[in-house]
Protein backbone atom coordinates (compact mmCIF):
# COMPACT_ATOMS: atom_id res chain seq x y z
CA UNK A 1 9.29 -22.59 43.10
CA UNK A 2 12.11 -20.78 44.92
CA UNK A 3 12.94 -17.16 44.31
CA UNK A 4 15.29 -16.58 41.41
CA UNK A 5 18.89 -15.68 42.22
CA UNK A 6 20.01 -12.69 40.15
CA UNK A 7 23.35 -14.41 39.46
CA UNK A 8 21.56 -17.37 37.95
CA UNK A 9 21.61 -17.06 34.16
CA UNK A 10 19.26 -19.98 33.54
CA UNK A 11 16.41 -19.63 31.09
CA UNK A 12 13.13 -18.22 32.44
CA UNK A 13 10.56 -20.86 33.29
CA UNK A 14 6.84 -20.89 34.01
CA UNK A 15 6.24 -20.36 37.74
CA UNK A 16 9.45 -18.49 38.55
CA UNK A 17 9.04 -16.09 41.50
CA UNK A 18 10.47 -12.59 41.71
CA UNK A 19 10.55 -10.29 44.73
CA UNK A 20 9.51 -7.25 42.69
CA UNK A 21 8.70 -6.04 39.21
CA UNK A 22 12.19 -4.49 39.00
CA UNK A 23 13.80 -7.83 39.92
CA UNK A 24 11.89 -9.47 37.09
CA UNK A 25 13.04 -6.79 34.66
CA UNK A 26 16.68 -7.11 35.80
CA UNK A 27 16.57 -10.88 35.44
CA UNK A 28 15.08 -10.82 31.93
CA UNK A 29 17.54 -8.07 30.95
CA UNK A 30 20.47 -10.19 32.17
CA UNK A 31 19.07 -13.14 30.25
CA UNK A 32 18.79 -10.92 27.17
CA UNK A 33 22.43 -9.87 27.48
CA UNK A 34 23.53 -13.49 27.72
CA UNK A 35 21.44 -14.44 24.67
CA UNK A 36 22.14 -11.29 22.64
CA UNK A 37 18.90 -9.28 22.49
CA UNK A 38 17.69 -6.03 24.01
CA UNK A 39 14.44 -5.85 25.99
CA UNK A 40 11.84 -3.27 26.95
CA UNK A 41 8.78 -3.07 29.14
CA UNK A 42 5.49 -3.66 27.32
CA UNK A 43 2.01 -3.65 28.84
CA UNK A 44 1.19 -2.96 32.49
CA UNK A 45 -1.95 -3.43 34.60
CA UNK A 46 -2.40 -1.75 37.97
CA UNK A 47 -4.66 -2.34 40.93
CA UNK A 48 -8.00 -0.54 40.81
CA UNK A 49 -7.76 0.09 44.56
CA UNK A 50 -4.71 2.35 44.66
CA UNK A 51 -3.79 2.65 40.96
CA UNK A 52 -0.12 2.24 41.89
CA UNK A 53 0.39 -1.46 42.60
CA UNK A 54 1.34 -3.35 39.45
CA UNK A 55 -0.76 -6.48 39.08
CA UNK A 56 0.75 -7.71 35.81
CA UNK A 57 3.54 -6.69 33.48
CA UNK A 58 4.96 -7.82 30.17
CA UNK A 59 8.59 -7.73 29.03
CA UNK A 60 9.34 -8.14 25.34
CA UNK A 61 12.23 -8.18 22.91
CA UNK A 62 13.03 -4.66 21.71
CA UNK A 63 12.07 -5.74 18.20
CA UNK A 64 8.55 -6.75 19.19
CA UNK A 65 5.60 -5.38 17.16
CA UNK A 66 6.18 -3.06 14.20
CA UNK A 67 5.95 0.60 13.34
CA UNK A 68 2.40 1.72 12.61
CA UNK A 69 1.63 3.47 9.36
CA UNK A 70 1.27 7.24 9.47
CA UNK A 71 -0.59 9.37 6.95
CA UNK A 72 2.30 11.83 7.14
CA UNK A 73 4.75 9.25 5.75
CA UNK A 74 4.29 10.57 2.23
CA UNK A 75 5.86 13.87 3.29
CA UNK A 76 8.95 12.29 4.85
CA UNK A 77 12.00 12.54 2.62
CA UNK A 78 14.41 10.44 4.70
CA UNK A 79 12.39 8.08 6.93
CA UNK A 80 14.02 6.45 9.92
CA UNK A 81 15.28 2.93 9.54
CA UNK A 82 12.99 0.13 10.66
CA UNK A 83 14.11 -1.40 13.97
CA UNK A 84 11.25 -3.79 14.77
CA UNK A 85 10.54 -7.15 13.22
CA UNK A 86 7.39 -8.36 15.05
CA UNK A 87 9.47 -10.60 17.28
CA UNK A 88 7.32 -12.75 19.60
CA UNK A 89 9.93 -13.34 22.34
CA UNK A 90 8.55 -12.26 25.73
CA UNK A 91 8.16 -12.91 29.45
CA UNK A 92 4.98 -11.95 31.36
CA UNK A 93 4.54 -11.81 35.14
CA UNK A 94 1.60 -11.30 37.49
CA UNK A 95 1.20 -10.41 41.17
CA UNK A 96 0.74 -13.23 43.70
CA UNK A 97 0.70 -13.40 47.49
CA UNK A 98 3.13 -11.43 49.66
CA UNK A 99 3.83 -8.90 46.94
CA UNK A 100 5.80 -11.28 44.76
CA UNK A 101 5.48 -11.83 41.03
CA UNK A 102 5.25 -15.11 39.15
CA UNK A 103 6.20 -15.85 35.55
CA UNK A 104 3.13 -17.06 33.66
CA UNK A 105 4.24 -16.78 30.02
CA UNK A 106 7.58 -17.19 28.30
CA UNK A 107 8.41 -17.34 24.58
CA UNK A 108 11.99 -18.20 23.66
CA UNK A 109 12.13 -17.93 19.86
CA UNK A 110 13.27 -14.78 18.01
CA UNK A 111 12.77 -13.96 14.34
CA UNK A 112 15.91 -11.81 13.99
CA UNK A 113 19.63 -12.36 14.24
CA UNK A 114 20.94 -11.93 17.78
CA UNK A 115 23.81 -9.73 18.88
CA UNK A 116 27.32 -11.05 19.37
CA UNK A 117 29.23 -10.82 22.64
CA UNK A 118 31.29 -7.96 21.21
CA UNK A 119 28.24 -5.71 20.74
CA UNK A 120 25.82 -6.64 23.56
CA UNK A 121 27.09 -3.73 25.68
CA UNK A 122 25.78 -1.35 23.00
CA UNK A 123 22.18 -2.54 23.30
CA UNK A 124 19.84 0.09 24.68
CA UNK A 125 18.57 -1.96 27.61
CA UNK A 126 22.17 -2.58 28.75
CA UNK A 127 23.07 1.10 28.81
CA UNK A 128 22.28 2.46 32.25
CA UNK A 129 24.10 5.36 33.89
CA UNK A 130 24.36 5.12 37.67
CA UNK A 131 24.72 7.98 40.13
CA UNK A 132 28.42 7.23 40.64
CA UNK A 133 28.89 7.46 36.88
CA UNK A 134 27.15 10.83 36.78
CA UNK A 135 29.36 12.08 39.59
CA UNK A 136 32.52 11.04 37.75
CA UNK A 137 31.25 12.56 34.50
CA UNK A 138 30.51 15.83 36.31
CA UNK A 139 34.05 15.88 37.71
CA UNK A 140 35.53 15.22 34.28
CA UNK A 141 33.33 17.88 32.68
CA UNK A 142 34.27 20.46 35.32
CA UNK A 143 37.94 19.64 34.59
CA UNK A 144 37.47 20.35 30.91
CA UNK A 145 37.72 16.74 29.74
CA UNK A 146 35.73 15.93 26.60
CA UNK A 147 33.04 13.22 26.70
CA UNK A 148 34.98 10.88 24.40
CA UNK A 149 38.10 11.16 26.54
CA UNK A 150 36.00 10.66 29.66
CA UNK A 151 34.57 7.41 28.31
CA UNK A 152 38.02 6.23 27.25
CA UNK A 153 39.43 6.88 30.74
CA UNK A 154 36.54 5.16 32.52
CA UNK A 155 36.80 2.28 30.07
CA UNK A 156 40.43 1.76 31.08
CA UNK A 157 39.38 1.67 34.74
CA UNK A 158 36.69 -0.89 33.95
CA UNK A 159 38.98 -3.09 31.88
CA UNK A 160 37.55 -2.07 28.54
CA UNK A 161 34.81 0.14 27.08
CA UNK A 162 32.66 -2.97 26.64
CA UNK A 163 32.46 -3.23 30.46
CA UNK A 164 30.86 0.21 30.80
CA UNK A 165 27.09 0.55 30.94
CA UNK A 166 27.01 3.63 28.74
CA UNK A 167 28.54 5.06 25.56
CA UNK A 168 29.96 8.42 24.51
CA UNK A 169 26.59 9.58 23.17
CA UNK A 170 24.98 8.76 26.53
CA UNK A 171 27.53 11.02 28.24
CA UNK A 172 26.80 13.83 25.80
CA UNK A 173 23.06 13.42 26.36
CA UNK A 174 23.53 13.58 30.11
CA UNK A 175 25.63 16.74 29.90
CA UNK A 176 22.98 18.34 27.73
CA UNK A 177 20.28 17.76 30.29
CA UNK A 178 22.18 18.79 33.38
CA UNK A 179 20.72 21.54 35.49
CA UNK A 180 23.95 23.45 34.84
CA UNK A 181 22.66 24.02 31.34
CA UNK A 182 20.37 26.82 32.49
CA UNK A 183 22.13 30.12 33.05
CA UNK A 184 22.19 31.00 36.73
CA UNK A 185 20.94 34.34 37.97
CA UNK A 186 24.47 35.57 38.55
CA UNK A 187 25.60 34.66 35.04
CA UNK A 188 22.49 36.14 33.45
CA UNK A 189 22.78 39.32 35.50
CA UNK A 190 26.44 39.73 34.61
CA UNK A 191 25.67 39.18 30.94
CA UNK A 192 22.90 41.77 30.92
CA UNK A 193 25.19 44.23 32.69
CA UNK A 194 27.84 43.71 30.04
CA UNK A 195 25.34 44.29 27.22
CA UNK A 196 24.04 47.45 28.86
CA UNK A 197 27.56 48.85 29.25
CA UNK A 198 28.43 48.06 25.64
CA UNK A 199 25.23 49.69 24.41
CA UNK A 200 25.91 52.76 26.51
CA UNK A 201 29.44 53.07 25.12
CA UNK A 202 28.28 52.58 21.53
CA UNK A 203 24.58 52.64 20.61
CA UNK A 204 25.37 50.55 17.50
CA UNK A 205 26.00 47.51 19.70
CA UNK A 206 23.03 45.19 19.28
CA UNK A 207 21.86 42.14 21.19
CA UNK A 208 18.77 40.02 21.60
CA UNK A 209 17.77 37.24 23.96
CA UNK A 210 14.91 34.79 24.39
CA UNK A 211 13.24 33.76 27.65
CA UNK A 212 11.48 30.49 28.44
CA UNK A 213 8.22 30.06 30.39
CA UNK A 214 10.15 30.43 33.66
CA UNK A 215 11.74 33.68 32.45
CA UNK A 216 15.15 32.06 32.20
CA UNK A 217 17.47 33.11 29.37
CA UNK A 218 17.80 30.33 26.81
CA UNK A 219 19.07 31.90 23.55
CA UNK A 220 21.33 34.93 23.13
CA UNK A 221 22.57 36.81 20.08
CA UNK A 222 24.92 39.80 19.91
CA UNK A 223 26.97 41.83 17.44
CA UNK A 224 29.35 44.70 18.13
CA UNK A 225 29.76 47.71 15.81
CA UNK A 226 32.77 46.21 14.02
CA UNK A 227 30.76 43.08 13.19
CA UNK A 228 27.96 45.21 11.74
CA UNK A 229 30.38 47.26 9.62
CA UNK A 230 32.14 44.11 8.38
CA UNK A 231 28.81 42.61 7.40
CA UNK A 232 27.88 45.75 5.45
CA UNK A 233 31.10 45.49 3.46
CA UNK A 234 31.67 41.74 3.19
CA UNK A 235 28.27 40.15 3.88
CA UNK A 236 27.62 38.89 0.34
CA UNK A 237 28.14 35.31 1.52
CA UNK A 238 27.47 34.33 5.14
CA UNK A 239 28.41 31.05 6.75
CA UNK A 240 26.67 29.95 9.97
CA UNK A 241 28.13 27.10 11.98
CA UNK A 242 27.72 25.73 15.51
CA UNK A 243 30.75 23.44 15.45
CA UNK A 244 32.69 26.01 17.49
CA UNK A 245 30.83 24.63 20.49
CA UNK A 246 30.80 24.15 23.39
CA UNK A 247 31.28 25.86 26.71
CA UNK A 248 31.16 24.02 30.03
CA UNK A 249 27.36 23.99 30.04
CA UNK A 250 27.38 22.18 26.66
CA UNK A 251 25.62 25.08 24.96
CA UNK A 252 26.12 25.33 21.19
CA UNK A 253 28.07 28.45 20.27
CA UNK A 254 27.32 29.66 16.74
CA UNK A 255 29.10 32.21 14.59
CA UNK A 256 28.03 34.11 11.49
CA UNK A 257 31.24 34.46 9.51
CA UNK A 258 32.61 35.25 6.08
CA UNK A 259 35.67 36.44 4.17
CA UNK A 260 37.01 39.99 4.06
CA UNK A 261 38.91 41.66 1.21
CA UNK A 262 42.10 39.85 2.28
CA UNK A 263 40.24 36.52 2.21
CA UNK A 264 40.62 36.43 5.95
CA UNK A 265 37.90 35.17 8.26
CA UNK A 266 35.68 37.86 9.75
CA UNK A 267 32.80 37.49 12.21
CA UNK A 268 29.41 39.13 11.59
CA UNK A 269 27.61 38.00 14.77
CA UNK A 270 27.60 35.42 17.54
CA UNK A 271 24.95 33.36 19.31
CA UNK A 272 24.82 31.21 22.43
CA UNK A 273 21.96 28.73 22.07
CA UNK A 274 20.17 26.48 24.52
CA UNK A 275 20.15 23.61 22.05
CA UNK A 276 20.20 22.85 18.33
CA UNK A 277 16.46 22.47 17.80
CA UNK A 278 14.26 23.97 15.11
CA UNK A 279 12.74 26.39 17.64
CA UNK A 280 16.13 27.81 18.65
CA UNK A 281 17.29 28.30 15.06
CA UNK A 282 13.93 29.77 14.09
CA UNK A 283 14.21 32.37 16.85
CA UNK A 284 17.80 33.14 15.87
CA UNK A 285 17.05 33.74 12.20
CA UNK A 286 13.76 35.58 12.73
CA UNK A 287 14.53 37.70 15.79
CA UNK A 288 18.21 37.58 16.53
CA UNK A 289 20.01 38.68 13.39
CA UNK A 290 17.93 41.77 12.55
CA UNK A 291 21.12 43.73 11.87
CA UNK A 292 21.99 41.47 8.92
CA UNK A 293 20.26 43.58 6.33
CA UNK A 294 18.80 43.29 2.82
CA UNK A 295 18.10 39.66 1.86
CA UNK A 296 17.79 38.27 5.40
CA UNK A 297 15.76 40.91 7.24
CA UNK A 298 12.12 41.05 8.34
CA UNK A 299 11.60 37.31 8.37
CA UNK A 300 12.93 36.83 4.83
CA UNK A 301 13.04 33.28 3.47
CA UNK A 302 16.05 33.93 1.22
CA UNK A 303 18.26 31.25 2.77
CA UNK A 304 15.44 28.71 2.73
CA UNK A 305 14.69 29.33 -0.94
CA UNK A 306 18.36 29.23 -1.90
CA UNK A 307 18.89 25.92 -0.10
CA UNK A 308 15.87 24.50 -1.91
CA UNK A 309 17.56 25.30 -5.20
CA UNK A 310 20.68 23.49 -4.05
CA UNK A 311 19.25 20.41 -2.38
CA UNK A 312 15.58 19.78 -3.10
CA UNK A 313 14.83 19.87 -6.84
CA UNK A 314 15.29 16.63 -8.76
CA UNK A 315 14.07 17.96 -12.11
CA UNK A 316 16.18 20.49 -13.99
CA UNK A 317 13.19 22.51 -15.22
CA UNK A 318 11.92 22.91 -11.67
CA UNK A 319 15.35 24.13 -10.60
CA UNK A 320 15.53 26.69 -13.40
CA UNK A 321 12.08 28.09 -12.57
CA UNK A 322 12.90 28.29 -8.85
CA UNK A 323 16.28 29.90 -9.54
CA UNK A 324 14.89 32.72 -11.69
CA UNK A 325 12.03 33.25 -9.24
CA UNK A 326 14.66 33.65 -6.51
CA UNK A 327 16.55 36.24 -8.58
CA UNK A 328 13.35 38.18 -9.28
CA UNK A 329 11.97 38.05 -5.74
CA UNK A 330 15.16 39.39 -4.12
CA UNK A 331 16.21 41.62 -7.02
CA UNK A 332 19.64 40.03 -7.44
CA UNK A 333 19.64 39.43 -11.21
CA UNK A 334 22.69 41.63 -11.64
CA UNK A 335 24.49 40.35 -8.56
CA UNK A 336 27.99 39.22 -9.55
CA UNK A 337 28.12 36.36 -7.09
CA UNK A 338 24.86 34.82 -8.33
CA UNK A 339 26.01 35.14 -11.92
CA UNK A 340 29.32 33.48 -11.07
CA UNK A 341 27.90 30.44 -9.26
CA UNK A 342 25.16 29.82 -11.85
CA UNK A 343 27.78 28.78 -14.40
CA UNK A 344 29.05 25.66 -12.57
CA UNK A 345 25.55 24.70 -11.39
CA UNK A 346 26.21 21.12 -12.52
CA UNK A 347 28.66 20.86 -9.63
CA UNK A 348 26.37 21.97 -6.79
CA UNK A 349 22.68 21.67 -7.78
CA UNK A 350 21.16 18.32 -6.85
CA UNK A 351 19.24 17.88 -10.11
CA UNK A 352 22.46 18.17 -12.14
CA UNK A 353 24.53 16.00 -9.82
CA UNK A 354 22.25 12.97 -9.64
CA UNK A 355 24.41 11.05 -12.14
CA UNK A 356 27.70 12.08 -10.55
CA UNK A 357 29.53 9.51 -8.44
CA UNK A 358 30.20 11.24 -5.09
CA UNK A 359 29.34 8.56 -2.46
CA UNK A 360 27.30 11.29 -0.78
CA UNK A 361 30.37 13.45 -0.04
CA UNK A 362 29.55 17.11 -0.72
CA UNK A 363 32.00 18.92 1.54
CA UNK A 364 35.21 18.57 3.57
CA UNK A 365 33.30 17.50 6.66
CA UNK A 366 34.68 13.97 6.57
CA UNK A 367 38.33 14.98 6.61
CA UNK A 368 37.67 17.69 9.19
CA UNK A 369 36.02 15.15 11.48
CA UNK A 370 38.93 12.74 11.18
CA UNK A 371 41.47 15.50 11.79
CA UNK A 372 39.56 16.64 14.88
CA UNK A 373 39.51 13.11 16.30
CA UNK A 374 43.20 12.48 15.64
CA UNK A 375 44.26 15.75 17.25
CA UNK A 376 42.81 14.49 20.54
CA UNK A 377 45.11 11.46 20.50
CA UNK A 378 48.27 12.37 18.58
CA UNK A 379 51.13 14.26 20.18
CA UNK A 380 54.50 15.37 18.88
CA UNK A 381 56.23 13.18 21.48
CA UNK A 382 54.83 9.92 20.06
CA UNK A 383 57.05 7.78 17.86
CA UNK A 384 55.87 6.65 14.45
CA UNK A 385 54.70 3.23 15.68
CA UNK A 386 52.44 4.73 18.33
CA UNK A 387 51.15 7.31 15.86
CA UNK A 388 50.15 4.55 13.43
CA UNK A 389 48.56 2.41 16.16
CA UNK A 390 46.55 5.31 17.59
CA UNK A 391 45.41 6.34 14.11
CA UNK A 392 44.07 2.85 13.48
CA UNK A 393 42.38 2.31 16.87
CA UNK A 394 40.89 5.79 17.31
CA UNK A 395 37.80 4.88 15.28
CA UNK A 396 37.70 1.19 16.21
CA UNK A 397 34.49 1.51 18.24
CA UNK A 398 32.43 3.58 15.78
CA UNK A 399 32.60 1.06 12.88
CA UNK A 400 31.69 -1.71 15.32
CA UNK A 401 28.63 0.24 16.44
CA UNK A 402 27.64 1.02 12.86
CA UNK A 403 28.05 -2.66 11.93
CA UNK A 404 25.68 -3.56 14.75
CA UNK A 405 23.17 -0.90 13.65
CA UNK A 406 23.32 -2.07 10.05
CA UNK A 407 22.82 -5.70 11.04
CA UNK A 408 19.74 -4.98 13.15
CA UNK A 409 18.10 -2.30 11.01
CA UNK A 410 16.85 -2.26 7.47
CA UNK A 411 15.83 0.63 5.21
CA UNK A 412 12.28 1.92 5.23
CA UNK A 413 10.43 0.29 2.35
CA UNK A 414 9.57 3.69 0.84
CA UNK A 415 13.12 4.93 1.07
CA UNK A 416 14.87 5.28 -2.25
CA UNK A 417 18.41 4.11 -2.69
CA UNK A 418 20.69 7.01 -1.78
CA UNK A 419 23.61 5.73 -3.81
CA UNK A 420 23.23 4.87 -7.45
CA UNK A 421 25.88 3.57 -9.76
CA UNK A 422 27.12 5.97 -12.43
CA UNK A 423 25.36 5.78 -15.75
CA UNK A 424 28.66 5.15 -17.52
CA UNK A 425 31.84 3.38 -16.43
CA UNK A 426 34.79 5.29 -15.05
CA UNK A 427 37.89 4.20 -13.26
CA UNK A 428 38.70 5.08 -9.66
CA UNK A 429 41.12 7.87 -10.50
CA UNK A 430 38.58 9.73 -12.64
CA UNK A 431 35.93 9.39 -9.92
CA UNK A 432 38.28 10.82 -7.31
CA UNK A 433 39.21 13.74 -9.54
CA UNK A 434 35.55 14.51 -10.21
CA UNK A 435 34.75 14.39 -6.49
CA UNK A 436 37.59 16.77 -5.67
CA UNK A 437 36.41 19.23 -8.31
CA UNK A 438 32.86 19.14 -6.95
CA UNK A 439 34.03 19.64 -3.37
CA UNK A 440 36.20 22.57 -4.44
CA UNK A 441 33.30 24.24 -6.21
CA UNK A 442 30.83 23.46 -3.40
CA UNK A 443 33.00 25.30 -0.89
CA UNK A 444 32.36 28.55 -2.79
CA UNK A 445 28.62 28.41 -2.19
CA UNK A 446 28.52 27.39 1.48
CA UNK A 447 26.01 29.26 3.59
C-alpha cells in the first residue's frame, strides 16, 4: 500500500505505511480530531541491538484503560475525577523494511461520547505549542501583556481561539517553566546587596532566603522594622495571600497583611516564591516568618490546627473538643478575638454549616474573580452596548471548557456529593440572605 498523505483524513486501515513513528502519531491524531477523541502513545518496543530504534508502537484513545486502585485512596478527601473508561479504540504499528512502519491493528469503536467540533481544539493531544508560539508569547510577556490577553490577540490573528493549538493555561504553564524564572546572578547579587544595606542601617530588618541544589535563590522573605512593629501591635489576625502576583518571571508574590487601628490595611511581611507548592509554603512558614511571634513561632502548628477546626470536622462534638484543645495549647482562653468568633460558629465551622444552603460559596472570591476579569476588558470610553457585549463574551470560553470537562469526566465512586439539598424548604430570597450573612461573618475569620 502507498504511503499515507498527511492531508488525507480517511480512516486508518490494515497495511497502511508511514515514513516514521511520528508520522503515524500525527496521522492518528488528525484522525482523532476529525472524529472527536484525544489520543496518546501507549506501549513501545525497541530494538535489542541499539535500544533506540522503535520496532513497534501502540496509539490509543486517551480514555483507554482505567485508573488502578491505590491503598492510599482511603486517605484522599477530594479524589480526582475519573477520565478513563476502558475504551478499546487503538492503532498499532510495527517496523518493516526501509525504516517504515505498517499498521497491523486498528479498532474503530469507542465506549464514550465523542467531542463536538466546537471543543476538539481543547483536547490534550491537539494542544501543542510550537517554537514560533513560544517566541510570540515571550515577546508579549516582556511587553507586560497578560496570558489571557496574549491568547485573545493570537486568536484574532488565527481567526478564532479555536484555531490555536494551545489555551490560556498552556501559556501560563510555559511562562512558569521558562529559564527566566530563576533569578540571575546579577539580580540575586543586587538583592543581597540591598538586604545587607538595610540590615546595616537598621539591625531590626530581617530577611531569609532558600537555595536549591544548584545554590540558586528560589524563595525569599523579608520584613522591615515598621512591618515588625505593626505586627506586634496589630498581628492578632493575619491574612496571607499570593494573589498579588506576579512579576515578569511569573513568581508568586505573597503578603502577610492585616488591619491597623484605623481599619486600614497594613503589611507584616513579604515573600517572593519560586512556585506555589507545599515545599515552598512549608519553608516560608517554618523558616521565613520567624519574626511573627507568639502563636506562629518555632514551627508552631497554630494555623494548621485552627484551619482544621474551620474546615475538617464533620461532627460537632469533635469540633468542640478540638476547639478547647486549641485554646488550652496556645493559652488563648481569655483572648477577646477567640471569644468573639466562637459565638457565631454556626456561620463558619463546617460541622455547623453542613445543612446550610451555600452552593459551596464561602467567601467573596467569586465576585472578585469576575471583577478582575471585567477590568481587563471594560474601559470608560465604551458605550453601554459594547459594555454589555464584552461582559457577556468575556467568560464565553470557560463555560464551554467546563461543559466539555463535565461531559467527559465523572465523579470518583468514593466521592461524596458536595452539594446537598437543604433539610427544609426555603425560597430563593431567604437562601440569598443566609448566604450573604455567612459570607459577611466568614470575612472576619480569614487567615
